[in-house]
Amino acid sequence: MPHMPRPPSVDHGVISFLWAIGLGAYIYYGSLAVGVSGGTAFIFAALGAFAIFVFVRVSGEQTPPRRYATRRRSQPTPRQD
């Protein structure tokens, strides 16, 4: 059975930026849809995108716990008296 290749590694800052742009656009167009003026919608979207970027950048990355090699206990040597 062939091995499936892994997806490419992407820096967490890029992922945070993409989340911020996507949700900022959602805030912008959602604000326009409910009747907020364009300038106000842009300000809300920019502030929201910045807050989302910082939040995802700081708390979004999950690093797996470090695995330590298990050490075998040394067997006590029998005393020969």
C-alpha atoms as a PDB file:
ATOM      1  CA  MET A   1       0.000   0.000   0.000  1.00  0.00           C
ATOM      2  CA  PRO A   2       1.556   3.349  -0.981  1.00  0.00           C
ATOM      3  CA  HIS A   3       2.253   5.888   1.697  1.00  0.00           C
ATOM      4  CA  MET A   4       0.171   9.078   1.508  1.00  0.00           C
ATOM      5  CA  PRO A   5       2.355  12.211   1.541  1.00  0.00           C
ATOM      6  CA  ARG A   6       2.002  14.697   4.367  1.00  0.00           C
ATOM      7  CA  PRO A   7       0.516  18.144   3.693  1.00  0.00           C
ATOM      8  CA  PRO A   8       3.073  20.943   3.448  1.00  0.00           C
ATOM      9  CA  SER A   9       4.176  22.676   6.611  1.00  0.00           C
ATOM     10  CA  VAL A  10       2.757  26.187   6.942  1.00  0.00           C
ATOM     11  CA  ASP A  11       3.960  28.699   9.518  1.00  0.00           C
ATOM     12  CA  HIS A  12       1.415  29.485  12.229  1.00  0.00           C
ATOM     13  CA  GLY A  13       1.632  33.200  11.456  1.00  0.00           C
ATOM     14  CA  VAL A  14       0.357  32.529   7.929  1.00  0.00           C
ATOM     15  CA  ILE A  15      -2.536  30.492   9.306  1.00  0.00           C
ATOM     16  CA  SER A  16      -3.367  33.295  11.762  1.00  0.00           C
ATOM     17  CA  PHE A  17      -3.287  35.839   8.949  1.00  0.00           C
ATOM     18  CA  LEU A  18      -5.634  33.755   6.800  1.00  0.00           C
ATOM     19  CA  TRP A  19      -8.109  33.396   9.685  1.00  0.00           C
ATOM     20  CA  ALA A  20      -7.953  37.140  10.304  1.00  0.00           C
ATOM     21  CA  ILE A  21      -8.517  38.040   6.643  1.00  0.00           C
ATOM     22  CA  GLY A  22     -11.373  35.547   6.248  1.00  0.00           C
ATOM     23  CA  LEU A  23     -13.244  36.516   9.383  1.00  0.00           C
ATOM     24  CA  GLY A  24     -12.496  40.216   8.849  1.00  0.00           C
ATOM     25  CA  ALA A  25     -14.123  39.978   5.403  1.00  0.00           C
ATOM     26  CA  TYR A  26     -17.068  38.181   7.001  1.00  0.00           C
ATOM     27  CA  ILE A  27     -17.443  41.012   9.526  1.00  0.00           C
ATOM     28  CA  TYR A  28     -17.133  43.643   6.790  1.00  0.00           C
ATOM     29  CA  TYR A  29     -19.712  42.160   4.429  1.00  0.00           C
ATOM     30  CA  GLY A  30     -21.993  41.211   7.311  1.00  0.00           C
ATOM     31  CA  SER A  31     -21.914  44.789   8.572  1.00  0.00           C
ATOM     32  CA  LEU A  32     -22.728  46.089   5.104  1.00  0.00           C
ATOM     33  CA  ALA A  33     -25.607  43.615   4.850  1.00  0.00           C
ATOM     34  CA  VAL A  34     -27.282  44.958   7.997  1.00  0.00           C
ATOM     35  CA  GLY A  35     -26.967  48.578   6.926  1.00  0.00           C
ATOM     36  CA  VAL A  36     -23.763  49.860   8.544  1.00  0.00           C
ATOM     37  CA  SER A  37     -21.937  52.473   6.450  1.00  0.00           C
ATOM     38  CA  GLY A  38     -18.844  51.394   4.523  1.00  0.00           C
ATOM     39  CA  GLY A  39     -16.319  53.352   6.589  1.00  0.00           C
ATOM     40  CA  THR A  40     -17.680  52.128   9.899  1.00  0.00           C
ATOM     41  CA  ALA A  41     -17.841  48.563   8.595  1.00  0.00           C
ATOM     42  CA  PHE A  42     -14.206  48.796   7.494  1.00  0.00           C
ATOM     43  CA  ILE A  43     -13.080  50.048  10.916  1.00  0.00           C
ATOM     44  CA  PHE A  44     -14.979  47.273  12.721  1.00  0.00           C
ATOM     45  CA  ALA A  45     -13.621  44.674  10.312  1.00  0.00           C
ATOM     46  CA  ALA A  46     -10.026  45.921  10.660  1.00  0.00           C
ATOM     47  CA  LEU A  47     -10.194  45.933  14.459  1.00  0.00           C
ATOM     48  CA  GLY A  48     -11.854  42.534  14.470  1.00  0.00           C
ATOM     49  CA  ALA A  49      -9.275  41.100  12.062  1.00  0.00           C
ATOM     50  CA  PHE A  50      -6.436  42.411  14.213  1.00  0.00           C
ATOM     51  CA  ALA A  51      -7.972  40.925  17.367  1.00  0.00           C
ATOM     52  CA  ILE A  52      -8.566  37.608  15.603  1.00  0.00           C
ATOM     53  CA  PHE A  53      -4.991  37.554  14.305  1.00  0.00           C
ATOM     54  CA  VAL A  54      -3.554  38.147  17.778  1.00  0.00           C
ATOM     55  CA  PHE A  55      -5.878  35.625  19.418  1.00  0.00           C
ATOM     56  CA  VAL A  56      -5.150  32.855  16.911  1.00  0.00           C
ATOM     57  CA  ARG A  57      -1.431  33.652  16.920  1.00  0.00           C
ATOM     58  CA  VAL A  58      -1.140  33.510  20.699  1.00  0.00           C
ATOM     59  CA  SER A  59      -3.475  30.700  21.675  1.00  0.00           C
ATOM     60  CA  GLY A  60      -4.206  28.811  18.496  1.00  0.00           C
ATOM     61  CA  GLU A  61      -1.064  26.750  18.120  1.00  0.00           C
ATOM     62  CA  GLN A  62      -1.166  23.398  19.783  1.00  0.00           C
ATOM     63  CA  THR A  63       2.233  21.906  20.274  1.00  0.00           C
ATOM     64  CA  PRO A  64       2.229  18.242  21.079  1.00  0.00           C
ATOM     65  CA  PRO A  65       3.771  17.281  24.394  1.00  0.00           C
ATOM     66  CA  ARG A  66       7.399  16.271  24.259  1.00  0.00           C
ATOM     67  CA  ARG A  67       8.008  12.602  24.317  1.00  0.00           C
ATOM     68  CA  TYR A  68      10.907  11.507  26.372  1.00  0.00           C
ATOM     69  CA  ALA A  69      12.652   8.254  25.738  1.00  0.00           C
ATOM     70  CA  THR A  70      11.759   5.736  28.349  1.00  0.00           C
ATOM     71  CA  ARG A  71      14.740   4.688  30.337  1.00  0.00           C
ATOM     72  CA  ARG A  72      15.068   1.177  31.449  1.00  0.00           C
ATOM     73  CA  ARG A  73      15.820   0.806  35.055  1.00  0.00           C
ATOM     74  CA  SER A  74      19.105  -0.800  35.609  1.00  0.00           C
ATOM     75  CA  GLN A  75      18.668  -4.135  37.259  1.00  0.00           C
ATOM     76  CA  PRO A  76      20.405  -4.354  40.596  1.00  0.00           C
ATOM     77  CA  THR A  77      23.360  -6.644  40.310  1.00  0.00           C
ATOM     78  CA  PRO A  78      23.184  -9.568  42.684  1.00  0.00           C
ATOM     79  CA  ARG A  79      25.797  -9.365  45.377  1.00  0.00           C
ATOM     80  CA  GLN A  80      28.221 -12.174  45.546  1.00  0.00           C
ATOM     81  CA  ASP A  81      29.702 -12.266  48.998  1.00  0.00           C
END
